[in-house]
C-alpha atoms as a PDB file:
ATOM      1  CA  MET A   1      16.884 -18.394 -87.511  1.00  0.00           C
ATOM      2  CA  GLU A   2      16.245 -19.428 -83.709  1.00  0.00           C
ATOM      3  CA  VAL A   3      15.504 -16.826 -81.171  1.00  0.00           C
ATOM      4  CA  ALA A   4      17.706 -16.913 -78.041  1.00  0.00           C
ATOM      5  CA  ALA A   5      16.012 -17.664 -74.936  1.00  0.00           C
ATOM      6  CA  GLY A   6      16.263 -15.362 -71.629  1.00  0.00           C
ATOM      7  CA  VAL A   7      16.853 -11.749 -70.978  1.00  0.00           C
ATOM      8  CA  GLY A   8      18.162 -10.226 -73.917  1.00  0.00           C
ATOM      9  CA  GLY A   9      17.049 -12.749 -76.419  1.00  0.00           C
ATOM     10  CA  THR A  10      15.205 -10.643 -78.578  1.00  0.00           C
ATOM     11  CA  GLU A  11      18.242  -8.070 -78.817  1.00  0.00           C
ATOM     12  CA  LEU A  12      20.691 -11.370 -79.497  1.00  0.00           C
ATOM     13  CA  ALA A  13      18.292 -12.596 -82.225  1.00  0.00           C
ATOM     14  CA  ARG A  14      18.254  -8.815 -83.932  1.00  0.00           C
ATOM     15  CA  ASN A  15      22.225  -9.012 -83.685  1.00  0.00           C
ATOM     16  CA  LYS A  16      22.325 -12.290 -85.504  1.00  0.00           C
ATOM     17  CA  ARG A  17      19.767 -11.336 -88.186  1.00  0.00           C
ATOM     18  CA  LEU A  18      21.961  -7.907 -88.864  1.00  0.00           C
ATOM     19  CA  VAL A  19      24.928 -10.063 -89.592  1.00  0.00           C
ATOM     20  CA  VAL A  20      23.261 -12.533 -91.472  1.00  0.00           C
ATOM     21  CA  ASP A  21      21.459 -10.081 -93.779  1.00  0.00           C
ATOM     22  CA  SER A  22      24.604  -8.105 -94.104  1.00  0.00           C
ATOM     23  CA  PHE A  23      26.141 -11.011 -95.793  1.00  0.00           C
ATOM     24  CA  ARG A  24      23.123 -11.294 -97.968  1.00  0.00           C
ATOM     25  CA  TYR A  25      22.527  -7.669 -98.900  1.00  0.00           C
ATOM     26  CA  VAL A  26      26.048  -6.585 -99.266  1.00  0.00           C
ATOM     27  CA  PHE A  27      28.042  -9.719-100.155  1.00  0.00           C
ATOM     28  CA  ASP A  28      25.967 -12.255-101.713  1.00  0.00           C
ATOM     29  CA  ALA A  29      24.211  -9.084-103.730  1.00  0.00           C
ATOM     30  CA  GLU A  30      27.131  -7.543-104.220  1.00  0.00           C
ATOM     31  CA  ASP A  31      26.099  -4.040-103.388  1.00  0.00           C
ATOM     32  CA  ALA A  32      28.139  -1.268-102.287  1.00  0.00           C
ATOM     33  CA  ASP A  33      24.919   1.082-101.700  1.00  0.00           C
ATOM     34  CA  ALA A  34      23.667  -1.417 -99.106  1.00  0.00           C
ATOM     35  CA  VAL A  35      26.819  -0.746 -96.642  1.00  0.00           C
ATOM     36  CA  PRO A  36      25.307   2.112 -94.769  1.00  0.00           C
ATOM     37  CA  ARG A  37      22.495  -0.048 -93.794  1.00  0.00           C
ATOM     38  CA  PHE A  38      24.672  -2.356 -91.720  1.00  0.00           C
ATOM     39  CA  PHE A  39      28.043  -0.744 -90.815  1.00  0.00           C
ATOM     40  CA  ALA A  40      28.947   1.965 -88.470  1.00  0.00           C
ATOM     41  CA  ALA A  41      30.450   4.925 -90.167  1.00  0.00           C
ATOM     42  CA  ASP A  42      33.819   4.439 -88.098  1.00  0.00           C
ATOM     43  CA  TYR A  43      33.933   0.455 -88.459  1.00  0.00           C
ATOM     44  CA  ARG A  44      36.577  -0.939 -87.541  1.00  0.00           C
ATOM     45  CA  GLN A  45      38.220  -3.701 -89.484  1.00  0.00           C
ATOM     46  CA  HIS A  46      40.839  -6.161 -88.428  1.00  0.00           C
ATOM     47  CA  MET A  47      41.304  -8.474 -91.364  1.00  0.00           C
ATOM     48  CA  PRO A  48      44.838  -7.775 -93.135  1.00  0.00           C
ATOM     49  CA  GLY A  49      44.300  -6.140 -96.349  1.00  0.00           C
ATOM     50  CA  VAL A  50      40.782  -4.637 -95.687  1.00  0.00           C
ATOM     51  CA  PRO A  51      41.058  -0.973 -94.656  1.00  0.00           C
ATOM     52  CA  SER A  52      38.648   0.473 -91.533  1.00  0.00           C
ATOM     53  CA  GLY A  53      35.640   2.672 -91.899  1.00  0.00           C
ATOM     54  CA  ARG A  54      32.421   2.507 -94.033  1.00  0.00           C
ATOM     55  CA  ALA A  55      33.770   4.476 -96.824  1.00  0.00           C
ATOM     56  CA  ALA A  56      36.584   2.224 -97.176  1.00  0.00           C
ATOM     57  CA  LEU A  57      34.225  -0.911 -97.020  1.00  0.00           C
ATOM     58  CA  GLU A  58      32.018   0.533 -99.514  1.00  0.00           C
ATOM     59  CA  HIS A  59      34.996   1.110-101.991  1.00  0.00           C
ATOM     60  CA  PHE A  60      36.254  -2.723-101.278  1.00  0.00           C
ATOM     61  CA  VAL A  61      32.767  -3.986-102.171  1.00  0.00           C
ATOM     62  CA  ARG A  62      32.485  -1.609-105.344  1.00  0.00           C
ATOM     63  CA  THR A  63      35.792  -2.472-106.691  1.00  0.00           C
ATOM     64  CA  GLY A  64      35.697  -6.174-105.417  1.00  0.00           C
ATOM     65  CA  PHE A  65      32.263  -6.897-106.981  1.00  0.00           C
ATOM     66  CA  PRO A  66      32.007  -4.616-110.204  1.00  0.00           C
ATOM     67  CA  ASP A  67      29.565  -6.485-111.911  1.00  0.00           C
ATOM     68  CA  GLY A  68      26.908  -5.716-108.771  1.00  0.00           C
ATOM     69  CA  PRO A  69      24.606  -5.054-107.366  1.00  0.00           C
ATOM     70  CA  LYS A  70      22.765  -8.411-108.023  1.00  0.00           C
ATOM     71  CA  PRO A  71      19.280  -9.531-106.465  1.00  0.00           C
ATOM     72  CA  VAL A  72      19.250  -9.967-102.963  1.00  0.00           C
ATOM     73  CA  PRO A  73      19.024 -13.875-102.296  1.00  0.00           C
ATOM     74  CA  ASP A  74      16.539 -14.977 -99.823  1.00  0.00           C
ATOM     75  CA  THR A  75      18.879 -16.971 -97.810  1.00  0.00           C
ATOM     76  CA  PRO A  76      22.909 -16.659 -97.639  1.00  0.00           C
ATOM     77  CA  LEU A  77      24.562 -18.027-100.696  1.00  0.00           C
ATOM     78  CA  THR A  78      27.003 -20.217 -98.397  1.00  0.00           C
ATOM     79  CA  PRO A  79      24.805 -20.941 -95.478  1.00  0.00           C
ATOM     80  CA  PRO A  80      26.463 -20.126 -92.215  1.00  0.00           C
ATOM     81  CA  ALA A  81      27.446 -23.421 -89.988  1.00  0.00           C
ATOM     82  CA  VAL A  82      27.286 -21.209 -87.019  1.00  0.00           C
ATOM     83  CA  VAL A  83      25.569 -17.951 -85.879  1.00  0.00           C
ATOM     84  CA  MET A  84      25.958 -17.498 -82.535  1.00  0.00           C
ATOM     85  CA  ALA A  85      25.506 -14.025 -80.279  1.00  0.00           C
ATOM     86  CA  GLU A  86      26.526 -13.172 -77.056  1.00  0.00           C
ATOM     87  CA  GLY A  87      26.351  -9.506 -75.354  1.00  0.00           C
ATOM     88  CA  ARG A  88      27.010  -7.276 -78.197  1.00  0.00           C
ATOM     89  CA  LEU A  89      29.384  -9.945 -80.440  1.00  0.00           C
ATOM     90  CA  VAL A  90      28.319 -12.162 -83.064  1.00  0.00           C
ATOM     91  CA  ILE A  91      30.130 -15.365 -84.418  1.00  0.00           C
ATOM     92  CA  TYR A  92      29.303 -15.965 -87.932  1.00  0.00           C
ATOM     93  CA  ALA A  93      31.326 -19.144 -89.340  1.00  0.00           C
ATOM     94  CA  VAL A  94      30.910 -20.152 -92.947  1.00  0.00           C
ATOM     95  CA  PRO A  95      32.500 -23.509 -94.642  1.00  0.00           C
ATOM     96  CA  ARG A  96      35.016 -22.793 -97.068  1.00  0.00           C
ATOM     97  CA  PRO A  97      36.335 -26.386 -98.238  1.00  0.00           C
ATOM     98  CA  GLN A  98      39.896 -26.386 -99.167  1.00  0.00           C
ATOM     99  CA  PRO A  99      41.762 -28.587-101.431  1.00  0.00           C
ATOM    100  CA  ASP A 100      43.509 -31.349 -99.649  1.00  0.00           C
ATOM    101  CA  PRO A 101      47.297 -31.506-100.654  1.00  0.00           C
ATOM    102  CA  GLU A 102      47.435 -34.830 -99.349  1.00  0.00           C
ATOM    103  CA  ARG A 103      44.664 -36.391-101.456  1.00  0.00           C
ATOM    104  CA  PRO A 104      44.629 -34.709-104.894  1.00  0.00           C
ATOM    105  CA  GLY A 105      41.029 -33.973-106.400  1.00  0.00           C
ATOM    106  CA  GLN A 106      39.641 -34.169-102.698  1.00  0.00           C
ATOM    107  CA  GLU A 107      38.849 -31.308-100.282  1.00  0.00           C
ATOM    108  CA  TYR A 108      39.181 -31.273 -96.466  1.00  0.00           C
ATOM    109  CA  PRO A 109      36.093 -29.193 -94.242  1.00  0.00           C
ATOM    110  CA  TYR A 110      37.415 -25.680 -93.085  1.00  0.00           C
ATOM    111  CA  LEU A 111      35.380 -22.808 -91.437  1.00  0.00           C
ATOM    112  CA  VAL A 112      36.192 -19.236 -91.664  1.00  0.00           C
ATOM    113  CA  PHE A 113      34.972 -17.540 -88.494  1.00  0.00           C
ATOM    114  CA  ASN A 114      33.968 -14.075 -88.633  1.00  0.00           C
ATOM    115  CA  CYS A 115      33.258 -11.848 -85.170  1.00  0.00           C
ATOM    116  CA  PHE A 116      31.252  -8.837 -85.088  1.00  0.00           C
ATOM    117  CA  ARG A 117      30.728  -6.163 -82.553  1.00  0.00           C
ATOM    118  CA  VAL A 118      27.407  -4.798 -82.801  1.00  0.00           C
ATOM    119  CA  GLU A 119      27.010  -0.987 -81.636  1.00  0.00           C
ATOM    120  CA  ASN A 120      23.570   0.928 -81.823  1.00  0.00           C
ATOM    121  CA  GLY A 121      22.147  -1.514 -84.189  1.00  0.00           C
ATOM    122  CA  LEU A 122      25.155  -1.263 -86.634  1.00  0.00           C
ATOM    123  CA  LEU A 123      28.164  -3.623 -87.246  1.00  0.00           C
ATOM    124  CA  ALA A 124      30.940  -1.757 -85.623  1.00  0.00           C
ATOM    125  CA  GLU A 125      33.940  -3.971 -85.528  1.00  0.00           C
ATOM    126  CA  HIS A 126      35.123  -7.181 -87.513  1.00  0.00           C
ATOM    127  CA  TRP A 127      37.759  -9.953 -86.909  1.00  0.00           C
ATOM    128  CA  SER A 128      38.192 -12.929 -88.960  1.00  0.00           C
ATOM    129  CA  GLY A 129      39.849 -16.140 -89.011  1.00  0.00           C
ATOM    130  CA  LEU A 130      40.389 -16.007 -92.783  1.00  0.00           C
ATOM    131  CA  ASN A 131      44.021 -16.888 -93.850  1.00  0.00           C
ATOM    132  CA  GLU A 132      45.868 -18.135 -96.964  1.00  0.00           C
ATOM    133  CA  ALA A 133      45.007 -21.744 -96.232  1.00  0.00           C
ATOM    134  CA  ALA A 134      41.217 -20.818 -96.772  1.00  0.00           C
ATOM    135  CA  PRO A 135      41.124 -17.818 -99.367  1.00  0.00           C
ATOM    136  CA  LEU A 136      37.954 -16.263-100.116  1.00  0.00           C
ATOM    137  CA  ARG A 137      35.970 -18.085-102.619  1.00  0.00           C
ATOM    138  CA  MET A 138      32.577 -17.057-103.761  1.00  0.00           C
ATOM    139  CA  PRO A 139      29.798 -19.338-104.634  1.00  0.00           C
ATOM    140  CA  GLY A 140      28.770 -19.196-108.523  1.00  0.00           C
ATOM    141  CA  ARG A 141      32.234 -17.385-109.355  1.00  0.00           C
ATOM    142  CA  ASP A 142      34.961 -19.775-107.698  1.00  0.00           C
ATOM    143  CA  GLY A 143      33.358 -23.010-107.484  1.00  0.00           C
ATOM    144  CA  PRO A 144      30.598 -24.776-105.260  1.00  0.00           C
END
């Protein structure tokens, strides 16, 4: 991951690393016990169906990934197409190819955008571009 240049570059790089590592340690490793390392206690979630609060996120991970925890991968299982930071915000976009209804058996490219607000070195707030057209599919469980 490149380090952002200029004033605040180190902080921007640290914020980007926080987001990337949160996906590796929490979601790729399916480890609810890793949530406090990355998320603020008063974490605010703006994604429908996912409650706010660190404890709620821990519960979400624990029940959503009952076979976890697993070993933490060296790199994200779904490498991000975009990791960009400005100020306290980090954009993390991952490819989630979708079945093409016009061409059976083929897919079209689709990016799911996540935006995180970092506060005091932890993820404090989240917004997502995830929708019904691009349901969450996890590598190794739901196909490539």
